Protein backbone atom coordinates (compact mmCIF):
# COMPACT_ATOMS: atom_id res chain seq x y z
CA MET A 1 197.41 15.58 114.90
CA ARG A 2 197.03 13.96 118.33
CA ARG A 3 193.87 14.93 120.20
CA ALA A 4 194.18 12.43 123.07
CA GLU A 5 195.67 9.02 123.73
CA ASP A 6 194.86 6.79 120.73
CA ASP A 7 192.81 9.64 119.19
CA TYR A 8 194.23 11.29 116.09
CA LEU A 9 192.94 13.31 113.15
CA PHE A 10 194.10 14.68 109.84
CA VAL A 11 194.07 18.42 109.19
CA LEU A 12 194.20 19.55 105.55
CA VAL A 13 195.96 22.91 105.26
CA PRO A 14 196.84 24.74 102.03
CA GLY A 15 200.53 25.52 101.56
CA ASP A 16 199.97 29.27 101.89
CA ARG A 17 198.32 28.88 105.30
CA GLU A 18 199.30 27.51 108.69
CA ILE A 19 197.33 25.88 111.48
CA SER A 20 195.89 28.32 113.96
CA TRP A 21 196.20 26.32 117.17
CA PRO A 22 193.60 28.43 119.03
CA LYS A 23 191.07 28.06 116.18
CA LEU A 24 191.66 24.32 115.86
CA ARG A 25 191.42 23.73 119.62
CA ALA A 26 188.22 25.80 119.80
CA HIS A 27 186.69 23.90 116.86
CA LEU A 28 187.49 20.56 118.49
CA GLY A 29 186.54 21.70 121.99
CA VAL A 30 189.88 20.66 123.49
CA ASN A 31 192.56 22.45 125.46
CA ARG A 32 195.54 20.55 124.09
CA LEU A 33 196.65 19.17 120.74
CA SER A 34 200.03 17.93 119.67
CA MET A 35 201.90 16.67 116.68
CA PRO A 36 202.83 13.01 117.15
CA SER A 37 206.44 11.96 116.86
CA ALA A 38 207.55 10.59 113.49
CA GLN A 39 207.46 7.04 114.90
CA VAL A 40 203.95 7.44 116.31
CA ALA A 41 202.69 9.08 113.09
CA LEU A 42 204.00 6.11 111.11
CA GLY A 43 202.32 3.71 113.51
CA VAL A 44 198.90 5.37 113.40
CA THR A 45 198.79 6.16 109.66
CA GLY A 46 201.15 3.70 107.99
CA TYR A 47 202.97 6.63 106.37
CA GLU A 48 206.28 8.35 107.11
CA ARG A 49 206.16 12.00 108.06
CA GLY A 50 206.27 14.04 104.85
CA THR A 51 204.17 11.46 103.00
CA ILE A 52 201.09 11.30 105.25
CA THR A 53 197.72 11.35 103.54
CA PRO A 54 194.25 10.40 104.78
CA PHE A 55 193.81 8.25 101.66
CA GLY A 56 194.85 4.69 102.41
CA SER A 57 195.79 5.35 106.01
CA THR A 58 195.86 2.27 108.21
CA HIS A 59 193.08 3.90 110.25
CA ALA A 60 190.28 6.17 109.02
CA TRP A 61 190.94 9.06 111.40
CA PRO A 62 188.59 12.06 111.15
CA VAL A 63 189.55 14.73 108.63
CA ILE A 64 189.26 18.48 109.15
CA ALA A 65 189.81 20.69 106.11
CA ASP A 66 190.41 24.39 106.39
CA ALA A 67 187.59 26.59 105.10
CA SER A 68 189.90 27.82 102.32
CA VAL A 69 190.14 24.34 100.75
CA PRO A 70 186.71 23.83 99.09
CA GLY A 71 186.36 24.89 95.47
CA ARG A 72 190.05 24.48 94.65
CA THR A 73 192.22 22.00 92.86
CA ILE A 74 194.60 20.60 95.44
CA SER A 75 197.70 18.43 95.62
CA LEU A 76 198.01 15.96 98.47
CA GLY A 77 200.85 13.75 99.52
CA ALA A 78 200.32 10.30 98.07
CA GLY A 79 202.08 8.08 100.57
CA ALA A 80 205.66 8.24 99.29
CA HIS A 81 208.36 10.91 99.18
CA GLY A 82 208.18 12.95 95.99
CA VAL A 83 204.74 11.62 95.05
CA SER A 84 201.52 13.63 95.10
CA ALA A 85 197.99 13.43 93.78
CA THR A 86 196.19 16.39 92.23
CA LEU A 87 192.41 16.40 92.49
CA PHE A 88 189.37 18.56 93.00
CA ALA A 89 189.12 19.46 96.70
CA ASP A 90 185.34 19.01 96.82
CA ASP A 91 185.66 15.42 95.58
CA ALA A 92 188.40 14.67 98.11
CA LEU A 93 186.45 16.24 100.96
CA ALA A 94 183.35 14.24 100.09
CA ALA A 95 185.30 10.97 99.83
CA LEU A 96 186.99 11.64 103.18
CA ARG A 97 183.79 12.88 104.84
CA ALA A 98 185.82 15.86 105.94
CA VAL A 99 184.50 18.56 108.22
CA VAL A 100 185.26 22.02 106.86
CA ALA A 101 186.15 24.70 109.40
CA ASP A 102 188.19 27.89 109.70
CA VAL A 103 191.30 26.45 111.39
CA THR A 104 194.18 28.32 109.72
CA ASP A 105 195.75 31.73 109.27
CA PRO A 106 197.82 33.04 106.37
CA VAL A 107 201.49 32.15 106.58
CA THR A 108 203.39 34.95 108.25
CA PRO A 109 206.28 36.13 106.06
CA ARG A 110 209.63 35.63 107.77
CA THR A 111 212.48 38.02 107.41
CA ASP A 112 216.04 36.80 107.52
CA ARG A 113 218.58 38.99 109.17
CA GLY A 114 221.84 37.37 108.34
């Protein structure tokens, strides 16, 4: 996530939830956030989009974890396509010094009309 020029962060979101942009902006105290392009994401993390993880990133950007993450077993991307790591969320959050905040909403079911 891009907060400002040369200022990025990781946001950990469970698969059954999606980022709430108003909640995340309010938590960070900013008016604008954006997703970096694939090329920029690679440059600031060392990982291709779809493989990005805060573990081993080329820069230790801040980590925000949604409030629904603690107390669970989670799977995170592990830096390569088709590879993941399963671990206890509380251990991961402690290792990453993550800030836990309510920054997501449940995924809205989509209906296909085709």
